[in-house]
Amino acid sequence: MIPGAFDYHSPSTLEEAVALLARHGDEAKILAGGQSLIPAMRFRLAAPEVLIDINRLEGLQYIREENGYLAIGGLTRESALEESPVVQQRYPLLADTARVIADPLVRNLATVGGNLAHADPANDHPATMLAYGASVVAQGPGGSRVLSIDDFFTDLFENALASDELLTEVRIPEPQPGSGGAYIKVERKVGDYAISAVAVQLRLHGEICSDVRIGLTNVSAVPFRATEAESCLEGKALSEEVLEAVGQAAAGQCDPSADLRGSVEYKRDLTRVLTQRAVTQAIARAKGGSQ
């Protein structure tokens, strides 16, 4: 299909982009990587009257540690995460995620900020950022503000950004000693959405797990944390009984839909298994085991 008619703008500065958003409001869509928006427009699932292409904006592609967090510019390409030494060496959960987002062609164009702002529960980054306890920086006419990722996803394909705000940066807290994380995903084929995927980030004090955060992918209408599963592991040493409880809690808290990828029962049980595997791998990494 052919997209509907729209006005096109290509601002050269962040201020100009924000001004365009303020002028056009809900009629406008931001074009970053375009890997979700363009297909939606082709099938008339999205029909913005105004398209604001922000790819000419400078200063929004970077990955660097500063002020106690990993800062990722909103226009940073997914492929840059795969190639970043600091991500590969210090953020294994993020490295896991970067490797399984769509396929290499998509990752060369897709952006981290666009992935999150799209607020698709089937995307990989929402669960990962929830597990990290990340935050995002939004830029609007009145300046910038920082939003907790826990408050960012408000509904299906909806986020907490105002209509005149851009997502300019993602912030992941630097890992503390004894931290470990993992992202495990099952898909029908390379490049497909997950049937289910689980992101886990935690910290060990001896054998005791703390700061446990678990994000689930594509098993609910809104990206969310499996808080009941987190509670089963928080303050406990890993055992077969604890691991089974964690998996069962994650399966019980998710709310998948039956589709060509599987039945509700299958997706729940897959989530149980993947949660157990991700927890086990995160703990191994926290102990200094294999990446």
C-alpha atoms as a PDB file:
ATOM      1  CA  MET A   1       0.000   0.000   0.000  1.00  0.00           C
ATOM      2  CA  ILE A   2       0.963   3.641  -0.365  1.00  0.00           C
ATOM      3  CA  PRO A   3       1.023   5.952   2.689  1.00  0.00           C
ATOM      4  CA  GLY A   4      -1.446   8.793   2.916  1.00  0.00           C
ATOM      5  CA  ALA A   5      -0.408  12.354   2.134  1.00  0.00           C
ATOM      6  CA  PHE A   6       1.636  14.221   4.755  1.00  0.00           C
ATOM      7  CA  ASP A   7       3.767  17.324   5.167  1.00  0.00           C
ATOM      8  CA  TYR A   8       7.473  16.680   5.643  1.00  0.00           C
ATOM      9  CA  HIS A   9       9.919  18.671   7.785  1.00  0.00           C
ATOM     10  CA  SER A  10      13.623  18.032   8.350  1.00  0.00           C
ATOM     11  CA  PRO A  11      14.794  20.339  11.170  1.00  0.00           C
ATOM     12  CA  SER A  12      18.515  20.902  11.652  1.00  0.00           C
ATOM     13  CA  THR A  13      18.387  21.777  15.364  1.00  0.00           C
ATOM     14  CA  LEU A  14      16.697  20.339  18.429  1.00  0.00           C
ATOM     15  CA  GLU A  15      15.011  23.674  19.101  1.00  0.00           C
ATOM     16  CA  GLU A  16      13.513  23.671  15.615  1.00  0.00           C
ATOM     17  CA  ALA A  17      12.251  20.112  16.039  1.00  0.00           C
ATOM     18  CA  VAL A  18      10.597  20.949  19.364  1.00  0.00           C
ATOM     19  CA  ALA A  19       9.008  24.065  17.840  1.00  0.00           C
ATOM     20  CA  LEU A  20       7.546  21.973  15.024  1.00  0.00           C
ATOM     21  CA  LEU A  21       6.110  19.531  17.552  1.00  0.00           C
ATOM     22  CA  ALA A  22       4.627  22.388  19.549  1.00  0.00           C
ATOM     23  CA  ARG A  23       3.043  23.790  16.394  1.00  0.00           C
ATOM     24  CA  HIS A  24       1.555  20.555  15.061  1.00  0.00           C
ATOM     25  CA  GLY A  25       0.898  18.581  18.260  1.00  0.00           C
ATOM     26  CA  ASP A  26      -0.832  15.238  17.855  1.00  0.00           C
ATOM     27  CA  GLU A  27      -0.958  15.653  14.075  1.00  0.00           C
ATOM     28  CA  ALA A  28       2.812  15.074  13.905  1.00  0.00           C
ATOM     29  CA  LYS A  29       4.997  11.986  14.120  1.00  0.00           C
ATOM     30  CA  ILE A  30       8.739  11.873  14.688  1.00  0.00           C
ATOM     31  CA  LEU A  31      10.819   9.986  12.125  1.00  0.00           C
ATOM     32  CA  ALA A  32      14.021   8.649  13.674  1.00  0.00           C
ATOM     33  CA  GLY A  33      15.042   5.196  12.438  1.00  0.00           C
ATOM     34  CA  GLY A  34      11.625   4.704  10.885  1.00  0.00           C
ATOM     35  CA  GLN A  35      11.725   0.917  11.230  1.00  0.00           C
ATOM     36  CA  SER A  36       8.331   0.826  12.946  1.00  0.00           C
ATOM     37  CA  LEU A  37       6.710   4.011  11.656  1.00  0.00           C
ATOM     38  CA  ILE A  38       7.309   3.570   7.918  1.00  0.00           C
ATOM     39  CA  PRO A  39       5.762   0.060   7.729  1.00  0.00           C
ATOM     40  CA  ALA A  40       2.810   1.295   9.785  1.00  0.00           C
ATOM     41  CA  MET A  41       2.320   4.188   7.370  1.00  0.00           C
ATOM     42  CA  ARG A  42       2.549   1.896   4.365  1.00  0.00           C
ATOM     43  CA  PHE A  43      -0.298  -0.224   5.723  1.00  0.00           C
ATOM     44  CA  ARG A  44      -2.244   2.884   6.811  1.00  0.00           C
ATOM     45  CA  LEU A  45      -2.047   1.803  10.447  1.00  0.00           C
ATOM     46  CA  ALA A  46      -0.500   5.216  11.075  1.00  0.00           C
ATOM     47  CA  ALA A  47      -1.500   8.282   9.093  1.00  0.00           C
ATOM     48  CA  PRO A  48       0.297  11.353  10.460  1.00  0.00           C
ATOM     49  CA  GLU A  49      -0.496  14.639   8.786  1.00  0.00           C
ATOM     50  CA  VAL A  50       3.021  15.885   9.529  1.00  0.00           C
ATOM     51  CA  LEU A  51       6.288  13.941   9.536  1.00  0.00           C
ATOM     52  CA  ILE A  52       9.244  15.481  11.386  1.00  0.00           C
ATOM     53  CA  ASP A  53      12.503  13.830  10.341  1.00  0.00           C
ATOM     54  CA  ILE A  54      15.084  14.340  13.114  1.00  0.00           C
ATOM     55  CA  ASN A  55      17.970  12.500  11.474  1.00  0.00           C
ATOM     56  CA  ARG A  56      19.798  15.753  10.727  1.00  0.00           C
ATOM     57  CA  LEU A  57      19.978  16.686  14.402  1.00  0.00           C
ATOM     58  CA  GLU A  58      23.520  16.635  15.734  1.00  0.00           C
ATOM     59  CA  GLY A  59      24.681  15.579  19.170  1.00  0.00           C
ATOM     60  CA  LEU A  60      22.123  12.834  19.813  1.00  0.00           C
ATOM     61  CA  GLN A  61      24.253   9.821  18.855  1.00  0.00           C
ATOM     62  CA  TYR A  62      26.541   8.767  21.690  1.00  0.00           C
ATOM     63  CA  ILE A  63      27.199   6.073  24.295  1.00  0.00           C
ATOM     64  CA  ARG A  64      29.187   7.185  27.340  1.00  0.00           C
ATOM     65  CA  GLU A  65      29.403   6.728  31.070  1.00  0.00           C
ATOM     66  CA  GLU A  66      28.991   9.913  33.097  1.00  0.00           C
ATOM     67  CA  ASN A  67      27.604  11.031  36.446  1.00  0.00           C
ATOM     68  CA  GLY A  68      26.906   7.473  37.588  1.00  0.00           C
ATOM     69  CA  TYR A  69      24.992   6.226  34.554  1.00  0.00           C
ATOM     70  CA  LEU A  70      25.419   5.060  30.966  1.00  0.00           C
ATOM     71  CA  ALA A  71      24.062   7.824  28.738  1.00  0.00           C
ATOM     72  CA  ILE A  72      22.707   6.813  25.335  1.00  0.00           C
ATOM     73  CA  GLY A  73      21.683   9.513  22.868  1.00  0.00           C
ATOM     74  CA  GLY A  74      18.172   9.219  21.523  1.00  0.00           C
ATOM     75  CA  LEU A  75      19.375   8.888  17.911  1.00  0.00           C
ATOM     76  CA  THR A  76      21.981   6.245  18.700  1.00  0.00           C
ATOM     77  CA  ARG A  77      21.604   3.358  16.253  1.00  0.00           C
ATOM     78  CA  GLU A  78      21.014  -0.116  17.597  1.00  0.00           C
ATOM     79  CA  SER A  79      24.109  -1.354  15.773  1.00  0.00           C
ATOM     80  CA  ALA A  80      26.234   1.054  17.821  1.00  0.00           C
ATOM     81  CA  LEU A  81      25.256  -0.818  20.997  1.00  0.00           C
ATOM     82  CA  GLU A  82      26.613  -4.029  19.510  1.00  0.00           C
ATOM     83  CA  GLU A  83      29.909  -2.324  18.674  1.00  0.00           C
ATOM     84  CA  SER A  84      30.324  -0.388  21.924  1.00  0.00           C
ATOM     85  CA  PRO A  85      33.141  -1.733  24.132  1.00  0.00           C
ATOM     86  CA  VAL A  86      31.593  -0.285  27.300  1.00  0.00           C
ATOM     87  CA  VAL A  87      28.249  -1.976  26.576  1.00  0.00           C
ATOM     88  CA  GLN A  88      29.870  -5.315  25.806  1.00  0.00           C
ATOM     89  CA  GLN A  89      32.134  -5.214  28.860  1.00  0.00           C
ATOM     90  CA  ARG A  90      29.936  -3.685  31.564  1.00  0.00           C
ATOM     91  CA  TYR A  91      26.291  -4.025  30.529  1.00  0.00           C
ATOM     92  CA  PRO A  92      25.685  -7.684  29.559  1.00  0.00           C
ATOM     93  CA  LEU A  93      21.896  -7.350  29.736  1.00  0.00           C
ATOM     94  CA  LEU A  94      22.006  -4.513  27.199  1.00  0.00           C
ATOM     95  CA  ALA A  95      24.517  -6.413  25.074  1.00  0.00           C
ATOM     96  CA  ASP A  96      22.216  -9.449  25.056  1.00  0.00           C
ATOM     97  CA  THR A  97      19.330  -7.269  23.948  1.00  0.00           C
ATOM     98  CA  ALA A  98      21.237  -5.476  21.193  1.00  0.00           C
ATOM     99  CA  ARG A  99      22.176  -8.763  19.558  1.00  0.00           C
ATOM    100  CA  VAL A 100      18.592  -9.966  19.127  1.00  0.00           C
ATOM    101  CA  ILE A 101      16.762  -6.818  18.006  1.00  0.00           C
ATOM    102  CA  ALA A 102      15.292  -7.550  14.574  1.00  0.00           C
ATOM    103  CA  ASP A 103      18.179  -8.192  12.108  1.00  0.00           C
ATOM    104  CA  PRO A 104      21.422  -6.405  11.154  1.00  0.00           C
ATOM    105  CA  LEU A 105      19.792  -4.343   8.389  1.00  0.00           C
ATOM    106  CA  VAL A 106      17.178  -2.989  10.778  1.00  0.00           C
ATOM    107  CA  ARG A 107      19.730  -2.379  13.538  1.00  0.00           C
ATOM    108  CA  ASN A 108      21.787  -0.186  11.203  1.00  0.00           C
ATOM    109  CA  LEU A 109      18.914   2.314  11.052  1.00  0.00           C
ATOM    110  CA  ALA A 110      16.754   1.732  14.120  1.00  0.00           C
ATOM    111  CA  THR A 111      17.376   4.020  17.099  1.00  0.00           C
ATOM    112  CA  VAL A 112      17.311   3.334  20.828  1.00  0.00           C
ATOM    113  CA  GLY A 113      15.132   6.372  21.502  1.00  0.00           C
ATOM    114  CA  GLY A 114      12.667   5.483  18.766  1.00  0.00           C
ATOM    115  CA  ASN A 115      12.385   1.931  20.045  1.00  0.00           C
ATOM    116  CA  LEU A 116      11.379   3.161  23.487  1.00  0.00           C
ATOM    117  CA  ALA A 117       9.175   6.046  22.366  1.00  0.00           C
ATOM    118  CA  HIS A 118       7.195   3.680  20.129  1.00  0.00           C
ATOM    119  CA  ALA A 119       6.115   1.937  23.367  1.00  0.00           C
ATOM    120  CA  ASP A 120       5.479  -1.371  21.648  1.00  0.00           C
ATOM    121  CA  PRO A 121       5.335  -4.164  24.261  1.00  0.00           C
ATOM    122  CA  ALA A 122       6.735  -6.512  21.598  1.00  0.00           C
ATOM    123  CA  ASN A 123       9.935  -4.435  21.280  1.00  0.00           C
ATOM    124  CA  ASP A 124      12.970  -5.617  23.215  1.00  0.00           C
ATOM    125  CA  HIS A 125      14.249  -2.423  24.844  1.00  0.00           C
ATOM    126  CA  PRO A 126      11.223  -1.684  27.058  1.00  0.00           C
ATOM    127  CA  ALA A 127      11.690  -4.848  29.151  1.00  0.00           C
ATOM    128  CA  THR A 128      15.440  -4.327  29.314  1.00  0.00           C
ATOM    129  CA  MET A 129      15.169  -0.715  30.447  1.00  0.00           C
ATOM    130  CA  LEU A 130      12.552  -1.676  33.023  1.00  0.00           C
ATOM    131  CA  ALA A 131      14.940  -4.304  34.373  1.00  0.00           C
ATOM    132  CA  TYR A 132      17.728  -1.735  34.550  1.00  0.00           C
ATOM    133  CA  GLY A 133      15.571   0.878  36.285  1.00  0.00           C
ATOM    134  CA  ALA A 134      16.560   3.316  33.551  1.00  0.00           C
ATOM    135  CA  SER A 135      15.312   6.847  32.989  1.00  0.00           C
ATOM    136  CA  VAL A 136      14.720   8.932  29.877  1.00  0.00           C
ATOM    137  CA  VAL A 137      15.299  12.614  29.198  1.00  0.00           C
ATOM    138  CA  ALA A 138      12.548  14.509  27.399  1.00  0.00           C
ATOM    139  CA  GLN A 139      13.107  17.879  25.723  1.00  0.00           C
ATOM    140  CA  GLY A 140      10.226  20.286  25.264  1.00  0.00           C
ATOM    141  CA  PRO A 141       9.638  24.020  24.804  1.00  0.00           C
ATOM    142  CA  GLY A 142      10.128  24.619  28.535  1.00  0.00           C
ATOM    143  CA  GLY A 143      13.403  22.699  28.738  1.00  0.00           C
ATOM    144  CA  SER A 144      14.251  19.125  29.684  1.00  0.00           C
ATOM    145  CA  ARG A 145      12.879  16.753  32.291  1.00  0.00           C
ATOM    146  CA  VAL A 146      13.821  13.255  33.454  1.00  0.00           C
ATOM    147  CA  LEU A 147      11.206  10.491  33.556  1.00  0.00           C
ATOM    148  CA  SER A 148      11.530   7.162  35.330  1.00  0.00           C
ATOM    149  CA  ILE A 149      11.106   4.224  32.982  1.00  0.00           C
ATOM    150  CA  ASP A 150       8.607   2.779  35.484  1.00  0.00           C
ATOM    151  CA  ASP A 151       6.265   5.671  34.643  1.00  0.00           C
ATOM    152  CA  PHE A 152       7.061   5.935  30.937  1.00  0.00           C
ATOM    153  CA  PHE A 153       4.818   3.303  29.333  1.00  0.00           C
ATOM    154  CA  THR A 154       1.220   4.356  29.847  1.00  0.00           C
ATOM    155  CA  ASP A 155      -0.767   2.198  27.402  1.00  0.00           C
ATOM    156  CA  LEU A 156      -0.445   0.222  24.183  1.00  0.00           C
ATOM    157  CA  PHE A 157       1.854   2.302  21.931  1.00  0.00           C
ATOM    158  CA  GLU A 158       1.533   5.217  24.339  1.00  0.00           C
ATOM    159  CA  ASN A 159       4.126   6.882  26.549  1.00  0.00           C
ATOM    160  CA  ALA A 160       4.425   9.721  29.033  1.00  0.00           C
ATOM    161  CA  LEU A 161       5.983  12.202  26.590  1.00  0.00           C
ATOM    162  CA  ALA A 162       3.951  15.333  25.983  1.00  0.00           C
ATOM    163  CA  SER A 163       2.951  15.996  22.373  1.00  0.00           C
ATOM    164  CA  ASP A 164       5.655  18.678  22.128  1.00  0.00           C
ATOM    165  CA  GLU A 165       8.491  16.634  23.654  1.00  0.00           C
ATOM    166  CA  LEU A 166      11.318  14.580  22.157  1.00  0.00           C
ATOM    167  CA  LEU A 167      13.137  11.712  23.827  1.00  0.00           C
ATOM    168  CA  THR A 168      16.760  12.862  23.729  1.00  0.00           C
ATOM    169  CA  GLU A 169      18.597  10.493  26.073  1.00  0.00           C
ATOM    170  CA  VAL A 170      18.340   7.174  27.888  1.00  0.00           C
ATOM    171  CA  ARG A 171      20.155   6.727  31.213  1.00  0.00           C
ATOM    172  CA  ILE A 172      21.065   3.341  32.674  1.00  0.00           C
ATOM    173  CA  PRO A 173      22.524   3.284  36.210  1.00  0.00           C
ATOM    174  CA  GLU A 174      26.128   2.102  36.271  1.00  0.00           C
ATOM    175  CA  PRO A 175      26.347  -1.485  37.604  1.00  0.00           C
ATOM    176  CA  GLN A 176      27.366  -1.861  41.229  1.00  0.00           C
ATOM    177  CA  PRO A 177      29.748  -4.587  42.451  1.00  0.00           C
ATOM    178  CA  GLY A 178      28.035  -7.954  42.398  1.00  0.00           C
ATOM    179  CA  SER A 179      25.593  -6.971  39.649  1.00  0.00           C
ATOM    180  CA  GLY A 180      24.521  -9.246  36.826  1.00  0.00           C
ATOM    181  CA  GLY A 181      21.896  -9.287  34.118  1.00  0.00           C
ATOM    182  CA  ALA A 182      20.623 -11.315  31.187  1.00  0.00           C
ATOM    183  CA  TYR A 183      18.076 -11.129  28.364  1.00  0.00           C
ATOM    184  CA  ILE A 184      16.740 -14.363  26.896  1.00  0.00           C
ATOM    185  CA  LYS A 185      14.385 -14.353  23.926  1.00  0.00           C
ATOM    186  CA  VAL A 186      12.574 -16.993  21.905  1.00  0.00           C
ATOM    187  CA  GLU A 187      11.391 -16.057  18.411  1.00  0.00           C
ATOM    188  CA  ARG A 188      10.077 -18.056  15.475  1.00  0.00           C
ATOM    189  CA  LYS A 189      12.850 -16.827  13.182  1.00  0.00           C
ATOM    190  CA  VAL A 190      15.597 -14.222  13.189  1.00  0.00           C
ATOM    191  CA  GLY A 191      14.113 -10.753  13.049  1.00  0.00           C
ATOM    192  CA  ASP A 192      10.687 -11.729  14.346  1.00  0.00           C
ATOM    193  CA  TYR A 193       9.044 -10.332  17.446  1.00  0.00           C
ATOM    194  CA  ALA A 194       9.565 -12.426  20.551  1.00  0.00           C
ATOM    195  CA  ILE A 195       7.113 -15.156  21.405  1.00  0.00           C
ATOM    196  CA  SER A 196       8.289 -14.269  24.897  1.00  0.00           C
ATOM    197  CA  ALA A 197      11.460 -12.733  26.306  1.00  0.00           C
ATOM    198  CA  VAL A 198      12.696 -11.939  29.795  1.00  0.00           C
ATOM    199  CA  ALA A 199      15.113  -9.283  31.041  1.00  0.00           C
ATOM    200  CA  VAL A 200      16.650  -9.701  34.508  1.00  0.00           C
ATOM    201  CA  GLN A 201      18.973  -7.399  36.429  1.00  0.00           C
ATOM    202  CA  LEU A 202      20.000  -8.092  40.030  1.00  0.00           C
ATOM    203  CA  ARG A 203      22.773  -7.809  42.584  1.00  0.00           C
ATOM    204  CA  LEU A 204      24.320 -10.413  44.871  1.00  0.00           C
ATOM    205  CA  HIS A 205      25.416  -9.934  48.469  1.00  0.00           C
ATOM    206  CA  GLY A 206      27.150 -13.235  49.094  1.00  0.00           C
ATOM    207  CA  GLU A 207      24.458 -15.666  47.973  1.00  0.00           C
ATOM    208  CA  ILE A 208      21.543 -13.320  48.651  1.00  0.00           C
ATOM    209  CA  CYS A 209      19.781 -11.633  45.735  1.00  0.00           C
ATOM    210  CA  SER A 210      18.829  -7.966  45.974  1.00  0.00           C
ATOM    211  CA  ASP A 211      17.730  -5.095  43.732  1.00  0.00           C
ATOM    212  CA  VAL A 212      15.914  -7.644  41.578  1.00  0.00           C
ATOM    213  CA  ARG A 213      14.120  -6.272  38.529  1.00  0.00           C
ATOM    214  CA  ILE A 214      12.451  -8.415  35.862  1.00  0.00           C
ATOM    215  CA  GLY A 215      10.943  -7.086  32.624  1.00  0.00           C
ATOM    216  CA  LEU A 216       8.817  -9.155  30.239  1.00  0.00           C
ATOM    217  CA  THR A 217       8.491  -8.785  26.468  1.00  0.00           C
ATOM    218  CA  ASN A 218       5.372  -9.309  24.339  1.00  0.00           C
ATOM    219  CA  VAL A 219       3.232 -11.020  26.976  1.00  0.00           C
ATOM    220  CA  SER A 220       1.029  -8.052  27.876  1.00  0.00           C
ATOM    221  CA  ALA A 221      -0.525  -4.983  26.272  1.00  0.00           C
ATOM    222  CA  VAL A 222       1.896  -2.615  28.013  1.00  0.00           C
ATOM    223  CA  PRO A 223       5.588  -3.154  28.831  1.00  0.00           C
ATOM    224  CA  PHE A 224       5.767  -4.083  32.513  1.00  0.00           C
ATOM    225  CA  ARG A 225       7.809  -5.538  35.356  1.00  0.00           C
ATOM    226  CA  ALA A 226       7.056  -8.923  36.853  1.00  0.00           C
ATOM    227  CA  THR A 227       6.999  -7.518  40.387  1.00  0.00           C
ATOM    228  CA  GLU A 228       5.550 -10.678  41.918  1.00  0.00           C
ATOM    229  CA  ALA A 229       8.433 -12.698  40.490  1.00  0.00           C
ATOM    230  CA  GLU A 230      10.874 -10.095  41.791  1.00  0.00           C
ATOM    231  CA  SER A 231       9.435 -10.478  45.288  1.00  0.00           C
ATOM    232  CA  CYS A 232       9.959 -14.248  45.143  1.00  0.00           C
ATOM    233  CA  LEU A 233      13.706 -13.718  44.635  1.00  0.00           C
ATOM    234  CA  GLU A 234      14.402 -10.529  46.588  1.00  0.00           C
ATOM    235  CA  GLY A 235      16.334 -11.210  49.784  1.00  0.00           C
ATOM    236  CA  LYS A 236      16.734 -14.920  49.069  1.00  0.00           C
ATOM    237  CA  ALA A 237      19.494 -17.272  47.993  1.00  0.00           C
ATOM    238  CA  LEU A 238      18.812 -19.145  44.777  1.00  0.00           C
ATOM    239  CA  SER A 239      17.479 -22.677  45.188  1.00  0.00           C
ATOM    240  CA  GLU A 240      15.347 -24.971  43.076  1.00  0.00           C
ATOM    241  CA  GLU A 241      12.298 -24.029  45.116  1.00  0.00           C
ATOM    242  CA  VAL A 242      12.937 -20.297  44.802  1.00  0.00           C
ATOM    243  CA  LEU A 243      13.646 -20.564  41.089  1.00  0.00           C
ATOM    244  CA  GLU A 244      10.408 -22.476  40.520  1.00  0.00           C
ATOM    245  CA  ALA A 245       8.465 -19.868  42.476  1.00  0.00           C
ATOM    246  CA  VAL A 246      10.006 -17.041  40.454  1.00  0.00           C
ATOM    247  CA  GLY A 247       9.110 -18.704  37.165  1.00  0.00           C
ATOM    248  CA  GLN A 248       5.571 -19.492  38.240  1.00  0.00           C
ATOM    249  CA  ALA A 249       5.027 -15.936  39.461  1.00  0.00           C
ATOM    250  CA  ALA A 250       6.206 -14.458  36.151  1.00  0.00           C
ATOM    251  CA  ALA A 251       3.950 -16.836  34.221  1.00  0.00           C
ATOM    252  CA  GLY A 252       0.998 -15.943  36.405  1.00  0.00           C
ATOM    253  CA  GLN A 253       1.520 -12.190  36.127  1.00  0.00           C
ATOM    254  CA  CYS A 254       1.856 -12.008  32.339  1.00  0.00           C
ATOM    255  CA  ASP A 255      -1.222 -11.605  30.140  1.00  0.00           C
ATOM    256  CA  PRO A 256      -0.383 -12.906  26.646  1.00  0.00           C
ATOM    257  CA  SER A 257      -2.704 -13.180  23.675  1.00  0.00           C
ATOM    258  CA  ALA A 258      -3.063 -16.254  21.497  1.00  0.00           C
ATOM    259  CA  ASP A 259      -1.794 -15.776  17.947  1.00  0.00           C
ATOM    260  CA  LEU A 260       0.252 -17.558  15.285  1.00  0.00           C
ATOM    261  CA  ARG A 261       3.189 -17.635  17.696  1.00  0.00           C
ATOM    262  CA  GLY A 262       1.359 -19.799  20.202  1.00  0.00           C
ATOM    263  CA  SER A 263      -1.485 -20.252  22.645  1.00  0.00           C
ATOM    264  CA  VAL A 264      -1.883 -18.390  25.917  1.00  0.00           C
ATOM    265  CA  GLU A 265      -0.890 -21.504  27.855  1.00  0.00           C
ATOM    266  CA  TYR A 266       2.233 -22.020  25.764  1.00  0.00           C
ATOM    267  CA  LYS A 267       3.343 -18.399  26.160  1.00  0.00           C
ATOM    268  CA  ARG A 268       2.807 -18.483  29.913  1.00  0.00           C
ATOM    269  CA  ASP A 269       4.869 -21.640  30.304  1.00  0.00           C
ATOM    270  CA  LEU A 270       7.559 -20.311  27.976  1.00  0.00           C
ATOM    271  CA  THR A 271       7.739 -17.182  30.120  1.00  0.00           C
ATOM    272  CA  ARG A 272       8.158 -19.374  33.197  1.00  0.00           C
ATOM    273  CA  VAL A 273      11.083 -21.219  31.641  1.00  0.00           C
ATOM    274  CA  LEU A 274      12.762 -18.119  30.208  1.00  0.00           C
ATOM    275  CA  THR A 275      12.477 -16.310  33.538  1.00  0.00           C
ATOM    276  CA  GLN A 276      14.236 -19.175  35.270  1.00  0.00           C
ATOM    277  CA  ARG A 277      16.979 -19.238  32.646  1.00  0.00           C
ATOM    278  CA  ALA A 278      17.496 -15.471  32.715  1.00  0.00           C
ATOM    279  CA  VAL A 279      17.679 -15.429  36.521  1.00  0.00           C
ATOM    280  CA  THR A 280      20.193 -18.262  36.520  1.00  0.00           C
ATOM    281  CA  GLN A 281      22.371 -16.531  33.942  1.00  0.00           C
ATOM    282  CA  ALA A 282      22.153 -13.168  35.696  1.00  0.00           C
ATOM    283  CA  ILE A 283      23.305 -14.751  38.950  1.00  0.00           C
ATOM    284  CA  ALA A 284      26.186 -16.534  37.170  1.00  0.00           C
ATOM    285  CA  ARG A 285      27.286 -13.206  35.748  1.00  0.00           C
ATOM    286  CA  ALA A 286      26.966 -11.507  39.101  1.00  0.00           C
ATOM    287  CA  LYS A 287      29.347 -14.137  40.453  1.00  0.00           C
ATOM    288  CA  GLY A 288      31.783 -13.424  37.658  1.00  0.00           C
ATOM    289  CA  GLY A 289      30.820 -16.355  35.505  1.00  0.00           C
ATOM    290  CA  SER A 290      30.489 -16.587  31.747  1.00  0.00           C
ATOM    291  CA  GLN A 291      29.025 -13.644  29.863  1.00  0.00           C
END
